[in-house]
């Protein structure tokens, strides 16, 4: 009788639906392509610039246009998937992303490339939050130890290996293959998701109350914010007219967007999800994790390129360690996520981030693969230790009806974290470089015996080569000073990141330990 009562009280969960699992895997692969394409062009911008006869000011827009458009679609996708269903939302996004990839590959001018990249980012951006929402809607909590590591691995691995993949494709073939590689997988994802996805039904009545003003204000707010964060560090922030104008539009549009979000009948983005303490806390941690994900993916290549003189391919090969560690850590962290307190896992993850960046504060001009090995191992493992529990904390306790909207907001915070982090990192790096250069110039004077002795030694070395030995010695000394000042500024940035990650590790007790939400894992 007792056994019978227990079985009635705790009914067994239905077995995992194979069709849904296959459909979900296809969606995950589509998300991988969309996230990969953020960074895949970063190592090949010089080749694209030469192929399209673009100027140095124009070529960064190949990446910036994608980011601006994507950051607008990510929060919008929640509303759209409720209107037309997950099936149609994802199929249209995958099809449009594939078509825009083809158009990017066939571009003959920089203006065409920027247009197609913007459309590629806007349409493809809809795939990312849709996958997160599906993961926490269609699978019961007991299966999250399988599903959560999968989406966590893709979301962190894709931007990490993007420069590596791009470097290989450009070196082996041409820059066109950065986009052509999406065609066949994109067609497969489009067809398979259309045939297999049946998670929910469309609700076309919602479209009758579509908030067009809210969409316009959101586009102005997020688009201009992304532009300011991308271009500000390179143009002295508000001293540049375009950055200043976009900052004004961002503030005005932001105020109008938040007003519409709380007053419209069917707002584009429902901000009430932030009333959930764990969702709000998870978004904060996701924001900081975005700094660690995108910021370190940027900093290491900058050091290897500027100081070590590595090619794009060599940088990719050096950075690949983090990707391997993510692969190795994902299944282990997935199993732990069902047993350990997620707050402890997050604390260990952010502490690992801090340990890795603390090691790199001792950076010198001679560091290469082996010196960067341990920091990269710590980064790869820490990303998994942070990403999976943060996903579960932010989305795992929400009701299924709120997941689509909340998933867009959650993914937006990670991308904004990356954008804000890159802007602050660039600004801090340049400011500290200027400061260290000024201080070193004060010490490297003609009255310094050590400087004169070093110059004399360099001059004697260059006399063997012939030519203007004095000029070459002065130039070499100047380059040495600039390099040392740059290394000191790198150390300062890594120290600031260390303190930030330590602060987040200490803040994990503020999160409430999540309990499974009622009704999660429902089908429709």
Protein backbone atom coordinates (compact mmCIF):
# COMPACT_ATOMS: atom_id res chain seq x y z
CA UNK A 1 0.00 0.00 0.00
CA UNK A 2 2.82 2.38 0.91
CA UNK A 3 4.57 1.68 -2.38
CA UNK A 4 1.31 2.25 -4.25
CA UNK A 5 0.74 5.56 -2.48
CA UNK A 6 4.29 6.67 -3.27
CA UNK A 7 3.85 5.84 -6.92
CA UNK A 8 0.63 7.87 -7.04
CA UNK A 9 2.27 10.82 -5.28
CA UNK A 10 5.33 10.79 -7.55
CA UNK A 11 4.28 9.78 -11.06
CA UNK A 12 7.04 8.82 -13.40
CA UNK A 13 8.06 11.36 -16.01
CA UNK A 14 7.31 10.34 -19.60
CA UNK A 15 10.28 9.00 -21.58
CA UNK A 16 12.28 11.44 -23.69
CA UNK A 17 10.57 11.97 -27.05
CA UNK A 18 13.17 11.08 -29.74
CA UNK A 19 11.53 13.26 -32.37
CA UNK A 20 11.67 16.27 -30.09
CA UNK A 21 15.27 15.53 -29.16
CA UNK A 22 16.30 15.36 -32.83
CA UNK A 23 14.36 18.56 -33.55
CA UNK A 24 16.06 20.27 -30.62
CA UNK A 25 19.51 19.16 -31.79
CA UNK A 26 18.81 20.69 -35.21
CA UNK A 27 17.80 23.94 -33.52
CA UNK A 28 20.98 23.90 -31.42
CA UNK A 29 23.05 23.55 -34.60
CA UNK A 30 21.24 26.54 -36.11
CA UNK A 31 22.01 28.58 -32.98
CA UNK A 32 25.66 27.52 -33.27
CA UNK A 33 25.84 28.97 -36.80
CA UNK A 34 24.23 32.26 -35.72
CA UNK A 35 26.61 32.76 -32.77
CA UNK A 36 29.66 31.56 -34.71
CA UNK A 37 29.07 34.19 -37.40
CA UNK A 38 29.53 37.00 -34.85
CA UNK A 39 33.27 36.27 -34.59
CA UNK A 40 34.04 34.22 -37.72
CA UNK A 41 34.91 37.35 -39.73
CA UNK A 42 37.10 38.94 -37.03
CA UNK A 43 40.32 37.23 -38.12
CA UNK A 44 39.68 37.86 -41.84
CA UNK A 45 38.66 41.52 -42.00
CA UNK A 46 41.87 42.45 -43.84
CA UNK A 47 41.14 39.92 -46.61
CA UNK A 48 37.51 41.08 -46.90
CA UNK A 49 38.72 44.70 -47.02
CA UNK A 50 41.08 43.90 -49.91
CA UNK A 51 38.45 41.85 -51.77
CA UNK A 52 35.81 44.59 -51.58
CA UNK A 53 38.19 47.56 -51.92
CA UNK A 54 36.91 48.96 -48.63
CA UNK A 55 38.51 51.66 -46.50
CA UNK A 56 39.86 51.11 -42.99
CA UNK A 57 36.88 53.06 -41.57
CA UNK A 58 34.32 50.99 -43.47
CA UNK A 59 35.53 47.44 -42.82
CA UNK A 60 34.67 47.27 -39.09
CA UNK A 61 31.02 47.63 -40.09
CA UNK A 62 31.10 44.07 -41.44
CA UNK A 63 31.04 43.01 -37.79
CA UNK A 64 29.29 46.01 -36.23
CA UNK A 65 26.24 45.85 -38.53
CA UNK A 66 25.69 42.19 -37.61
CA UNK A 67 25.91 42.92 -33.88
CA UNK A 68 23.56 45.92 -33.99
CA UNK A 69 20.91 44.03 -35.96
CA UNK A 70 21.21 40.89 -33.85
CA UNK A 71 20.85 42.73 -30.56
CA UNK A 72 17.53 44.19 -31.78
CA UNK A 73 16.10 40.82 -32.85
CA UNK A 74 17.06 38.87 -29.71
CA UNK A 75 14.46 40.48 -27.39
CA UNK A 76 11.91 40.75 -30.23
CA UNK A 77 12.07 37.01 -30.96
CA UNK A 78 10.11 36.13 -27.82
CA UNK A 79 7.02 38.01 -29.02
CA UNK A 80 7.36 36.71 -32.59
CA UNK A 81 7.63 33.08 -31.53
CA UNK A 82 4.45 33.47 -29.48
CA UNK A 83 2.67 34.93 -32.52
CA UNK A 84 3.78 32.50 -35.25
CA UNK A 85 4.99 29.54 -33.10
CA UNK A 86 8.45 28.13 -32.50
CA UNK A 87 8.27 26.05 -35.67
CA UNK A 88 7.68 28.95 -38.06
CA UNK A 89 9.88 31.37 -36.13
CA UNK A 90 12.91 29.10 -36.26
CA UNK A 91 12.35 27.88 -39.83
CA UNK A 92 12.04 31.44 -41.15
CA UNK A 93 15.09 32.56 -39.15
CA UNK A 94 17.20 29.64 -40.41
CA UNK A 95 16.06 30.13 -44.02
CA UNK A 96 16.71 33.89 -43.92
CA UNK A 97 20.09 33.43 -42.27
CA UNK A 98 21.10 30.93 -45.00
CA UNK A 99 19.93 33.22 -47.81
CA UNK A 100 21.75 36.23 -46.33
CA UNK A 101 24.91 34.11 -45.99
CA UNK A 102 24.75 33.46 -49.73
CA UNK A 103 24.24 37.16 -50.42
CA UNK A 104 27.25 38.04 -48.21
CA UNK A 105 29.44 35.58 -50.15
CA UNK A 106 28.41 37.15 -53.47
CA UNK A 107 28.83 40.77 -52.36
CA UNK A 108 30.85 42.95 -54.74
CA UNK A 109 31.03 46.14 -52.63
CA UNK A 110 31.34 47.06 -49.00
CA UNK A 111 27.86 48.64 -48.98
CA UNK A 112 26.31 45.37 -50.16
CA UNK A 113 28.25 43.43 -47.56
CA UNK A 114 27.13 45.71 -44.72
CA UNK A 115 23.47 45.45 -45.83
CA UNK A 116 23.50 41.65 -46.09
CA UNK A 117 25.41 41.27 -42.82
CA UNK A 118 22.85 43.44 -41.02
CA UNK A 119 19.99 41.33 -42.41
CA UNK A 120 21.91 38.14 -41.59
CA UNK A 121 22.33 39.24 -37.97
CA UNK A 122 18.73 40.45 -37.64
CA UNK A 123 17.09 37.33 -39.06
CA UNK A 124 19.56 34.84 -37.58
CA UNK A 125 19.37 36.46 -34.14
CA UNK A 126 15.91 34.95 -33.72
CA UNK A 127 17.38 31.46 -33.44
CA UNK A 128 19.40 32.07 -30.27
CA UNK A 129 16.73 32.80 -27.61
CA UNK A 130 14.27 30.42 -29.29
CA UNK A 131 16.60 27.51 -28.50
CA UNK A 132 16.96 28.54 -24.85
CA UNK A 133 13.18 28.85 -24.47
CA UNK A 134 12.59 25.47 -26.12
CA UNK A 135 15.14 23.77 -23.86
CA UNK A 136 13.32 24.81 -20.69
CA UNK A 137 9.82 24.32 -22.13
CA UNK A 138 9.82 20.89 -23.74
CA UNK A 139 12.19 18.99 -21.43
CA UNK A 140 11.40 18.08 -17.81
CA UNK A 141 13.82 19.19 -15.05
CA UNK A 142 15.34 15.69 -14.84
CA UNK A 143 16.64 16.03 -18.42
CA UNK A 144 18.28 19.43 -17.93
CA UNK A 145 21.59 17.81 -16.99
CA UNK A 146 21.67 16.69 -20.65
CA UNK A 147 20.12 19.68 -22.39
CA UNK A 148 21.62 22.60 -20.44
CA UNK A 149 25.28 21.65 -21.08
CA UNK A 150 24.44 21.35 -24.76
CA UNK A 151 23.17 24.90 -25.17
CA UNK A 152 25.76 26.22 -22.70
CA UNK A 153 28.58 24.66 -24.70
CA UNK A 154 27.30 26.06 -28.00
CA UNK A 155 26.69 29.57 -26.61
CA UNK A 156 30.26 29.80 -25.25
CA UNK A 157 32.19 27.64 -27.72
CA UNK A 158 30.92 29.30 -30.92
CA UNK A 159 32.35 32.79 -30.24
CA UNK A 160 35.56 31.26 -28.85
CA UNK A 161 36.40 29.20 -31.95
CA UNK A 162 34.97 31.74 -34.42
CA UNK A 163 38.34 33.42 -35.17
CA UNK A 164 40.02 30.00 -35.50
CA UNK A 165 37.46 28.69 -37.98
CA UNK A 166 37.55 31.95 -39.91
CA UNK A 167 41.34 31.94 -40.10
CA UNK A 168 41.45 28.37 -41.40
CA UNK A 169 38.76 28.94 -44.04
CA UNK A 170 40.37 32.14 -45.30
CA UNK A 171 43.87 30.61 -45.44
CA UNK A 172 42.74 27.39 -47.15
CA UNK A 173 40.16 28.87 -49.55
CA UNK A 174 39.06 32.53 -49.51
CA UNK A 175 37.00 34.91 -47.36
CA UNK A 176 33.87 33.95 -49.36
CA UNK A 177 33.86 30.59 -47.57
CA UNK A 178 33.22 32.32 -44.25
CA UNK A 179 29.64 32.58 -45.52
CA UNK A 180 29.38 29.74 -48.04
CA UNK A 181 30.03 27.24 -45.25
CA UNK A 182 26.58 28.12 -43.86
CA UNK A 183 24.61 27.18 -46.98
CA UNK A 184 24.29 23.38 -46.78
CA UNK A 185 23.89 23.21 -42.96
CA UNK A 186 21.42 26.11 -43.14
CA UNK A 187 19.22 24.30 -45.68
CA UNK A 188 19.33 21.17 -43.52
CA UNK A 189 18.36 23.07 -40.36
CA UNK A 190 15.53 24.90 -42.14
CA UNK A 191 13.96 21.73 -43.54
CA UNK A 192 14.46 19.59 -40.44
CA UNK A 193 13.00 22.15 -38.01
CA UNK A 194 10.00 22.73 -40.27
CA UNK A 195 9.30 18.99 -40.41
CA UNK A 196 10.10 18.05 -36.81
CA UNK A 197 9.33 20.99 -34.50
CA UNK A 198 5.83 20.83 -32.97
CA UNK A 199 6.39 22.38 -29.56
CA UNK A 200 3.56 24.93 -29.62
CA UNK A 201 0.82 26.57 -31.69
CA UNK A 202 0.70 30.08 -33.21
CA UNK A 203 -1.38 32.82 -31.62
CA UNK A 204 -2.02 35.24 -34.47
CA UNK A 205 -4.42 37.32 -32.37
CA UNK A 206 -1.39 38.81 -30.60
CA UNK A 207 -0.34 40.47 -33.86
CA UNK A 208 -3.49 42.62 -33.83
CA UNK A 209 -1.99 44.56 -30.94
CA UNK A 210 1.60 44.65 -32.21
CA UNK A 211 3.39 47.63 -30.66
CA UNK A 212 5.04 49.30 -33.66
CA UNK A 213 6.09 52.31 -31.59
CA UNK A 214 7.66 50.00 -29.03
CA UNK A 215 9.60 48.25 -31.81
CA UNK A 216 10.87 51.58 -33.18
CA UNK A 217 11.92 52.79 -29.73
CA UNK A 218 13.62 49.46 -28.93
CA UNK A 219 15.51 49.53 -32.24
CA UNK A 220 16.68 53.08 -31.56
CA UNK A 221 17.65 52.27 -27.99
CA UNK A 222 19.53 48.99 -28.55
CA UNK A 223 20.91 49.83 -32.01
CA UNK A 224 22.36 53.17 -30.92
CA UNK A 225 23.62 51.69 -27.66
CA UNK A 226 25.51 49.02 -29.59
CA UNK A 227 26.94 51.66 -31.96
CA UNK A 228 28.10 53.86 -29.07
CA UNK A 229 29.76 50.90 -27.35
CA UNK A 230 31.43 49.72 -30.58
CA UNK A 231 32.63 53.08 -31.92
CA UNK A 232 33.04 55.11 -28.72
CA UNK A 233 36.43 53.71 -27.62
CA UNK A 234 37.93 54.40 -31.07
CA UNK A 235 36.57 57.96 -31.46
CA UNK A 236 37.06 59.54 -28.02
CA UNK A 237 33.46 58.80 -27.06
CA UNK A 238 31.16 61.86 -27.07
CA UNK A 239 33.80 64.02 -28.75
CA UNK A 240 32.78 62.34 -32.01
CA UNK A 241 29.61 63.82 -33.57
CA UNK A 242 28.14 60.48 -34.70
CA UNK A 243 28.73 58.84 -31.32
CA UNK A 244 27.25 61.86 -29.54
CA UNK A 245 24.14 61.86 -31.77
CA UNK A 246 23.63 58.13 -31.24
CA UNK A 247 24.04 58.56 -27.48
CA UNK A 248 21.25 61.18 -27.48
CA UNK A 249 18.99 58.93 -29.59
CA UNK A 250 19.80 56.00 -27.29
CA UNK A 251 18.76 57.91 -24.14
CA UNK A 252 15.54 59.32 -25.65
CA UNK A 253 14.55 56.02 -27.30
CA UNK A 254 15.39 54.11 -24.12
CA UNK A 255 13.09 56.27 -22.01
CA UNK A 256 10.29 55.92 -24.57
CA UNK A 257 10.85 52.15 -24.86
CA UNK A 258 10.55 51.57 -21.10
CA UNK A 259 7.41 53.72 -21.02
CA UNK A 260 5.84 51.60 -23.80
CA UNK A 261 6.97 48.38 -22.10
CA UNK A 262 4.85 49.22 -19.05
CA UNK A 263 1.86 50.85 -20.78
CA UNK A 264 1.28 49.02 -24.09
CA UNK A 265 -1.45 46.35 -24.24
CA UNK A 266 0.97 43.80 -25.74
CA UNK A 267 4.49 45.18 -25.22
CA UNK A 268 7.30 44.07 -27.51
CA UNK A 269 9.22 42.95 -24.44
CA UNK A 270 7.56 42.04 -21.16
CA UNK A 271 9.89 43.35 -18.45
CA UNK A 272 7.86 41.78 -15.64
CA UNK A 273 10.18 38.75 -15.79
CA UNK A 274 12.68 40.86 -13.84
CA UNK A 275 10.33 40.73 -10.85
CA UNK A 276 11.55 37.15 -10.38
CA UNK A 277 14.58 37.45 -8.10
CA UNK A 278 16.47 34.53 -9.62
CA UNK A 279 15.82 35.65 -13.19
CA UNK A 280 17.05 39.18 -12.41
CA UNK A 281 20.09 37.81 -10.57
CA UNK A 282 20.80 35.33 -13.36
CA UNK A 283 20.75 38.18 -15.90
CA UNK A 284 23.29 40.14 -13.84
CA UNK A 285 25.61 37.14 -13.68
CA UNK A 286 25.03 36.50 -17.40
CA UNK A 287 26.01 40.13 -18.11
CA UNK A 288 29.33 39.70 -16.30
CA UNK A 289 29.88 36.31 -17.91
CA UNK A 290 29.47 38.06 -21.28
CA UNK A 291 32.40 40.29 -20.31
CA UNK A 292 34.48 37.19 -19.56
CA UNK A 293 33.38 35.40 -22.71
CA UNK A 294 33.78 38.17 -25.28
CA UNK A 295 36.33 40.31 -23.43
CA UNK A 296 38.94 37.57 -23.06
CA UNK A 297 38.24 36.30 -26.59
CA UNK A 298 39.27 39.82 -27.64
CA UNK A 299 42.19 40.49 -25.27
CA UNK A 300 44.29 37.37 -25.91
CA UNK A 301 44.33 37.80 -29.73
CA UNK A 302 45.17 41.50 -29.35
CA UNK A 303 48.19 40.60 -27.23
CA UNK A 304 49.28 37.79 -29.57
CA UNK A 305 48.89 40.01 -32.63
CA UNK A 306 50.35 43.30 -31.37
CA UNK A 307 53.11 42.02 -29.11
CA UNK A 308 53.97 38.54 -30.42
CA UNK A 309 53.23 39.31 -34.09
CA UNK A 310 51.16 36.15 -34.60
CA UNK A 311 49.12 35.61 -37.75
CA UNK A 312 45.35 34.99 -37.58
CA UNK A 313 45.93 31.26 -37.99
CA UNK A 314 48.56 31.14 -35.21
CA UNK A 315 46.24 33.10 -32.89
CA UNK A 316 43.42 30.67 -33.64
CA UNK A 317 45.60 27.65 -32.90
CA UNK A 318 46.75 29.18 -29.59
CA UNK A 319 43.20 30.08 -28.55
CA UNK A 320 41.79 26.65 -29.39
CA UNK A 321 42.74 25.34 -25.94
CA UNK A 322 39.73 27.07 -24.36
CA UNK A 323 37.40 25.31 -26.80
CA UNK A 324 38.86 21.90 -25.99
CA UNK A 325 38.45 22.54 -22.27
CA UNK A 326 34.82 23.53 -22.79
CA UNK A 327 34.18 20.24 -24.60
CA UNK A 328 35.84 18.28 -21.81
CA UNK A 329 34.10 20.16 -19.00
CA UNK A 330 30.55 20.27 -20.42
CA UNK A 331 29.46 16.67 -19.62
CA UNK A 332 31.09 16.77 -16.18
CA UNK A 333 29.43 20.08 -15.27
CA UNK A 334 26.16 18.76 -16.70
CA UNK A 335 26.18 15.83 -14.29
CA UNK A 336 27.14 18.08 -11.38
CA UNK A 337 24.31 20.50 -12.17
CA UNK A 338 21.73 17.92 -11.14
CA UNK A 339 23.44 17.24 -7.80
CA UNK A 340 25.43 20.27 -6.60
CA UNK A 341 24.19 23.66 -5.46
CA UNK A 342 24.36 25.88 -8.59
CA UNK A 343 25.50 28.82 -6.48
CA UNK A 344 28.61 26.87 -5.42
CA UNK A 345 29.30 25.95 -9.04
CA UNK A 346 29.00 29.61 -10.07
CA UNK A 347 31.28 30.71 -7.23
CA UNK A 348 33.93 28.18 -8.30
CA UNK A 349 33.49 29.24 -11.94
CA UNK A 350 33.97 32.96 -11.30
CA UNK A 351 36.86 32.18 -8.93
CA UNK A 352 38.43 30.19 -11.79
CA UNK A 353 37.96 33.18 -14.09
CA UNK A 354 39.66 35.38 -11.47
CA UNK A 355 42.57 32.92 -11.07
CA UNK A 356 43.12 32.84 -14.84
CA UNK A 357 43.15 36.62 -15.23
CA UNK A 358 45.32 37.03 -12.09
CA UNK A 359 47.98 34.77 -13.64
CA UNK A 360 48.03 36.95 -16.76
CA UNK A 361 48.73 40.10 -14.75
CA UNK A 362 52.35 38.90 -14.90
CA UNK A 363 52.31 39.10 -18.72
CA UNK A 364 55.63 39.72 -20.54
CA UNK A 365 56.51 40.13 -24.21
CA UNK A 366 57.77 36.53 -24.35
CA UNK A 367 54.56 34.75 -23.34
CA UNK A 368 53.24 32.31 -25.93
CA UNK A 369 51.20 29.07 -26.02
CA UNK A 370 52.65 27.43 -22.90
CA UNK A 371 52.47 30.49 -20.64
CA UNK A 372 48.86 31.08 -21.74
CA UNK A 373 47.91 27.40 -21.40
CA UNK A 374 46.79 27.43 -17.74
CA UNK A 375 44.83 30.72 -18.01
CA UNK A 376 43.01 29.32 -21.05
CA UNK A 377 42.28 26.02 -19.30
CA UNK A 378 40.84 27.94 -16.35
CA UNK A 379 38.79 30.12 -18.70
CA UNK A 380 37.34 27.19 -20.65
CA UNK A 381 36.36 25.21 -17.57
CA UNK A 382 35.08 28.29 -15.75
CA UNK A 383 32.80 29.24 -18.65
CA UNK A 384 31.03 25.90 -18.35
CA UNK A 385 30.89 26.11 -14.55
CA UNK A 386 29.21 29.51 -14.85
CA UNK A 387 27.05 29.15 -17.95
CA UNK A 388 25.11 26.00 -17.07
CA UNK A 389 24.02 26.94 -13.51
CA UNK A 390 23.26 30.53 -14.59
CA UNK A 391 20.95 29.16 -17.31
CA UNK A 392 19.18 26.95 -14.77
CA UNK A 393 18.87 29.74 -12.20
CA UNK A 394 17.58 32.36 -14.64
CA UNK A 395 15.22 30.24 -16.76
CA UNK A 396 14.72 26.99 -14.87
CA UNK A 397 12.18 28.31 -12.35
CA UNK A 398 9.98 30.37 -14.71
CA UNK A 399 6.56 29.21 -15.87
CA UNK A 400 6.52 27.94 -19.49
CA UNK A 401 4.25 30.82 -20.57
CA UNK A 402 6.95 33.34 -19.63
CA UNK A 403 9.96 31.51 -21.05
CA UNK A 404 9.93 32.80 -24.64
CA UNK A 405 9.97 36.43 -23.60
CA UNK A 406 12.38 35.85 -20.72
CA UNK A 407 14.80 33.93 -22.94
CA UNK A 408 15.17 36.95 -25.24
CA UNK A 409 15.92 39.23 -22.30
CA UNK A 410 18.37 36.75 -20.80
CA UNK A 411 20.35 36.31 -24.02
CA UNK A 412 20.31 40.06 -24.55
CA UNK A 413 22.07 40.62 -21.21
CA UNK A 414 24.93 38.30 -22.23
CA UNK A 415 25.41 40.11 -25.54
CA UNK A 416 25.19 43.53 -23.89
CA UNK A 417 27.70 42.36 -21.30
CA UNK A 418 30.08 41.52 -24.11
CA UNK A 419 29.51 44.88 -25.82
CA UNK A 420 29.88 46.92 -22.62
CA UNK A 421 32.88 44.83 -21.58
CA UNK A 422 34.68 45.33 -24.90
CA UNK A 423 34.02 49.08 -24.79
CA UNK A 424 35.34 49.41 -21.24
CA UNK A 425 38.30 47.12 -21.93
CA UNK A 426 39.29 49.13 -25.01
CA UNK A 427 38.93 52.42 -23.17
CA UNK A 428 40.87 51.21 -20.12
CA UNK A 429 43.57 49.64 -22.32
CA UNK A 430 44.10 52.87 -24.29
CA UNK A 431 43.96 55.16 -21.24
CA UNK A 432 46.40 53.07 -19.21
CA UNK A 433 48.71 52.75 -22.23
CA UNK A 434 48.84 56.55 -22.55
CA UNK A 435 49.45 56.87 -18.80
CA UNK A 436 52.29 54.32 -18.75
CA UNK A 437 53.86 55.87 -21.85
CA UNK A 438 53.84 59.29 -20.19
CA UNK A 439 55.42 57.89 -17.03
CA UNK A 440 58.09 55.98 -18.96
CA UNK A 441 58.92 59.03 -21.07
CA UNK A 442 59.59 60.90 -17.83
CA UNK A 443 62.11 58.24 -16.80
CA UNK A 444 63.71 57.61 -20.21
CA UNK A 445 65.67 60.84 -20.55
CA UNK A 446 69.11 61.76 -21.85
CA UNK A 447 70.28 62.19 -18.27
CA UNK A 448 69.62 58.53 -17.41
CA UNK A 449 72.83 56.49 -17.38
CA UNK A 450 70.93 53.20 -17.88
CA UNK A 451 69.13 54.58 -20.97
CA UNK A 452 72.36 55.90 -22.50
CA UNK A 453 74.10 52.58 -21.87
CA UNK A 454 71.24 50.64 -23.50
CA UNK A 455 71.21 52.99 -26.50
CA UNK A 456 74.97 52.63 -26.93
CA UNK A 457 74.67 48.84 -26.87
CA UNK A 458 71.88 48.94 -29.49
CA UNK A 459 73.88 51.35 -31.66
CA UNK A 460 76.88 48.99 -31.69
CA UNK A 461 74.60 46.09 -32.69
CA UNK A 462 73.12 48.06 -35.59
CA UNK A 463 76.54 49.28 -36.79
CA UNK A 464 77.23 45.71 -37.92
CA UNK A 465 74.22 45.93 -40.26
CA UNK A 466 75.28 49.26 -41.70
CA UNK A 467 73.09 52.31 -42.24
CA UNK A 468 72.00 54.90 -39.70
CA UNK A 469 72.85 53.04 -36.49
CA UNK A 470 71.86 55.96 -34.25
CA UNK A 471 68.41 56.28 -35.90
CA UNK A 472 67.78 52.56 -35.77
CA UNK A 473 68.80 52.40 -32.09
CA UNK A 474 66.44 55.27 -31.19
CA UNK A 475 63.58 53.61 -33.10
CA UNK A 476 64.21 50.26 -31.42
CA UNK A 477 64.29 51.94 -28.01
CA UNK A 478 61.03 53.74 -28.77
CA UNK A 479 59.38 50.47 -29.83
CA UNK A 480 60.62 48.79 -26.63
CA UNK A 481 59.12 51.57 -24.50
CA UNK A 482 55.77 51.37 -26.33
CA UNK A 483 55.68 47.59 -25.99
CA UNK A 484 56.45 47.69 -22.27
CA UNK A 485 53.79 50.37 -21.71
CA UNK A 486 51.27 48.23 -23.63
CA UNK A 487 52.14 45.18 -21.52
CA UNK A 488 51.65 47.19 -18.34
CA UNK A 489 48.23 48.33 -19.58
CA UNK A 490 47.30 44.70 -20.34
CA UNK A 491 48.25 43.81 -16.76
CA UNK A 492 46.03 46.63 -15.45
CA UNK A 493 43.05 45.39 -17.49
CA UNK A 494 43.52 41.81 -16.31
CA UNK A 495 43.74 43.04 -12.71
CA UNK A 496 40.42 44.90 -13.04
CA UNK A 497 38.81 41.77 -14.54
CA UNK A 498 40.22 39.71 -11.65
CA UNK A 499 38.55 42.00 -9.10
CA UNK A 500 35.27 41.93 -11.05
CA UNK A 501 35.17 38.12 -11.21
CA UNK A 502 36.07 37.83 -7.52
CA UNK A 503 33.23 40.20 -6.66
CA UNK A 504 30.79 38.02 -8.62
CA UNK A 505 32.07 34.89 -6.87
CA UNK A 506 31.39 36.56 -3.51
CA UNK A 507 27.90 37.67 -4.66
CA UNK A 508 26.61 34.16 -5.43
CA UNK A 509 25.01 33.70 -1.95
CA UNK A 510 22.59 36.51 -2.86
CA UNK A 511 20.93 34.13 -5.33
CA UNK A 512 18.14 31.95 -3.96
CA UNK A 513 18.72 28.24 -4.59
CA UNK A 514 16.26 27.39 -7.40
CA UNK A 515 13.44 24.90 -7.16
CA UNK A 516 11.85 23.43 -10.26
CA UNK A 517 8.98 25.55 -11.50
CA UNK A 518 5.60 23.98 -11.55
CA UNK A 519 4.63 22.83 -14.95
CA UNK A 520 8.08 23.13 -16.51
CA UNK A 521 8.72 20.66 -19.17
CA UNK A 522 5.29 20.88 -20.55
CA UNK A 523 4.78 20.44 -24.17
CA UNK A 524 2.53 23.30 -25.14
